[in-house]
Amino acid sequence: QRKNPFSSDDRLVSKPAHTHRGDPTYGRPPEGSRTEQRGKDAHSHVGKEVEELCLIIRRTGEVGEDGHVSVTFGQLFETYVTISNKVVGILLRARKHGLVHFEGEMLWQGKDDDVVITLL
């Protein structure tokens, strides 16, 4: 649109043409935009789902000798799948934030039902 002589959109004129990797705004939506707000809303929603997952692990799991609550993936899957179908994705996000620990890169229903998930 910047090169379109028929475009009369003034918003396009004031924006820089390209950002570069070193630029702090690179790969980010413009401040105050609806895209930025949608991203913030999605981040908040996922955070709430991670909190809910941790509460379910605490509620359904058992306290081990080390004081941490643990549950098997199969048990957690059966409990949590009625709430959300994104169990594995939420588990991966919780592990990324250091809230849970489990062995393996990915968990699969049936195959990994005996994998122990520990709430940190």
Protein backbone atom coordinates (compact mmCIF):
# COMPACT_ATOMS: atom_id res chain seq x y z
CA GLN A 1 0.00 0.00 0.00
CA ARG A 2 2.95 2.33 0.60
CA LYS A 3 3.79 2.27 -3.11
CA ASN A 4 0.16 2.42 -4.26
CA PRO A 5 -0.48 5.91 -5.66
CA PHE A 6 -4.23 5.48 -5.12
CA SER A 7 -3.92 4.77 -1.40
CA SER A 8 -4.90 7.66 0.82
CA ASP A 9 -4.32 5.88 4.12
CA ASP A 10 -2.28 8.36 6.22
CA ARG A 11 -1.41 5.68 8.80
CA LEU A 12 0.93 3.99 6.32
CA VAL A 13 3.05 7.08 5.68
CA SER A 14 4.32 7.52 9.23
CA LYS A 15 5.39 3.91 9.84
CA PRO A 16 8.91 2.70 9.07
CA ALA A 17 9.16 0.44 6.03
CA HIS A 18 11.09 -2.41 7.69
CA THR A 19 12.46 -3.34 11.07
CA HIS A 20 15.67 -5.27 11.53
CA ARG A 21 16.63 -8.03 13.95
CA GLY A 22 18.48 -5.67 16.29
CA ASP A 23 15.45 -3.40 16.60
CA PRO A 24 13.52 -3.92 19.90
CA THR A 25 10.21 -3.78 17.99
CA TYR A 26 11.27 -6.51 15.54
CA GLY A 27 8.69 -9.31 15.44
CA ARG A 28 6.26 -7.46 17.71
CA PRO A 29 2.94 -5.86 16.86
CA PRO A 30 2.70 -2.08 17.07
CA GLU A 31 2.04 -0.76 20.57
CA GLY A 32 -1.62 -0.13 21.28
CA SER A 33 -2.79 -2.20 18.30
CA ARG A 34 -5.57 -4.76 18.44
CA THR A 35 -3.02 -7.42 17.53
CA GLU A 36 -0.98 -6.55 20.62
CA GLN A 37 -4.12 -6.73 22.77
CA ARG A 38 -5.09 -10.12 21.33
CA GLY A 39 -1.60 -11.40 22.14
CA LYS A 40 -1.85 -10.15 25.72
CA ASP A 41 -5.30 -11.72 26.11
CA ALA A 42 -4.05 -15.07 24.76
CA HIS A 43 -1.04 -14.99 27.10
CA SER A 44 -3.33 -14.32 30.06
CA HIS A 45 -5.69 -17.14 29.03
CA VAL A 46 -2.86 -19.67 28.75
CA GLY A 47 -1.52 -18.55 32.13
CA LYS A 48 -4.90 -19.26 33.71
CA GLU A 49 -4.98 -22.71 32.09
CA VAL A 50 -1.49 -23.48 33.47
CA GLU A 51 -2.65 -22.42 36.96
CA GLU A 52 -5.73 -24.63 36.64
CA LEU A 53 -3.59 -27.58 35.54
CA CYS A 54 -1.32 -27.15 38.57
CA LEU A 55 -4.37 -27.09 40.87
CA ILE A 56 -5.66 -30.31 39.32
CA ILE A 57 -2.25 -31.99 39.75
CA ARG A 58 -2.23 -30.88 43.40
CA ARG A 59 -5.80 -32.17 43.88
CA THR A 60 -5.42 -35.54 42.13
CA GLY A 61 -1.76 -36.32 42.81
CA GLU A 62 -0.02 -37.83 45.80
CA VAL A 63 2.68 -36.27 47.94
CA GLY A 64 5.97 -38.14 47.54
CA GLU A 65 8.87 -38.59 49.93
CA ASP A 66 10.48 -35.41 48.61
CA GLY A 67 7.37 -33.38 49.43
CA HIS A 68 6.41 -32.79 45.80
CA VAL A 69 3.00 -33.77 44.44
CA SER A 70 3.13 -36.28 41.56
CA VAL A 71 0.56 -37.82 39.25
CA THR A 72 0.83 -40.13 36.26
CA PHE A 73 0.10 -38.73 32.81
CA GLY A 74 -2.70 -41.24 32.29
CA GLN A 75 -4.49 -40.19 35.47
CA LEU A 76 -4.00 -36.50 34.70
CA PHE A 77 -5.16 -36.95 31.11
CA GLU A 78 -8.39 -38.66 32.19
CA THR A 79 -9.10 -35.93 34.74
CA TYR A 80 -8.08 -32.89 32.70
CA VAL A 81 -9.38 -33.86 29.25
CA THR A 82 -12.94 -33.15 30.44
CA ILE A 83 -11.83 -29.56 31.11
CA SER A 84 -9.61 -28.94 28.09
CA ASN A 85 -8.34 -30.93 25.13
CA LYS A 86 -4.97 -29.13 25.28
CA VAL A 87 -3.48 -31.16 28.14
CA VAL A 88 -0.12 -31.80 26.51
CA GLY A 89 0.32 -28.23 25.29
CA ILE A 90 -0.48 -26.81 28.70
CA LEU A 91 1.91 -29.32 30.32
CA LEU A 92 4.69 -28.22 27.97
CA ARG A 93 4.04 -24.57 28.81
CA ALA A 94 4.03 -25.36 32.56
CA ARG A 95 7.37 -27.18 32.17
CA LYS A 96 8.81 -24.25 30.23
CA HIS A 97 7.95 -22.00 33.19
CA GLY A 98 9.49 -24.45 35.68
CA LEU A 99 6.20 -25.45 37.34
CA VAL A 100 6.22 -29.17 36.50
CA HIS A 101 8.77 -31.83 35.59
CA PHE A 102 8.40 -34.98 33.49
CA GLU A 103 10.72 -37.13 31.41
CA GLY A 104 10.58 -37.02 27.65
CA GLU A 105 10.04 -34.40 25.01
CA MET A 106 6.35 -35.09 24.30
CA LEU A 107 3.67 -37.15 26.04
CA TRP A 108 1.31 -39.41 24.10
CA GLN A 109 -1.97 -40.84 25.39
CA GLY A 110 -1.72 -44.59 25.93
CA LYS A 111 2.02 -44.84 25.30
CA ASP A 112 3.08 -42.49 28.12
CA ASP A 113 0.28 -43.12 30.63
CA ASP A 114 2.79 -44.27 33.28
CA VAL A 115 5.08 -41.20 32.98
CA VAL A 116 5.19 -39.36 36.31
CA ILE A 117 4.50 -35.64 36.30
CA THR A 118 5.84 -33.81 39.35
CA LEU A 119 4.55 -30.44 40.49
CA LEU A 120 7.48 -28.22 41.41
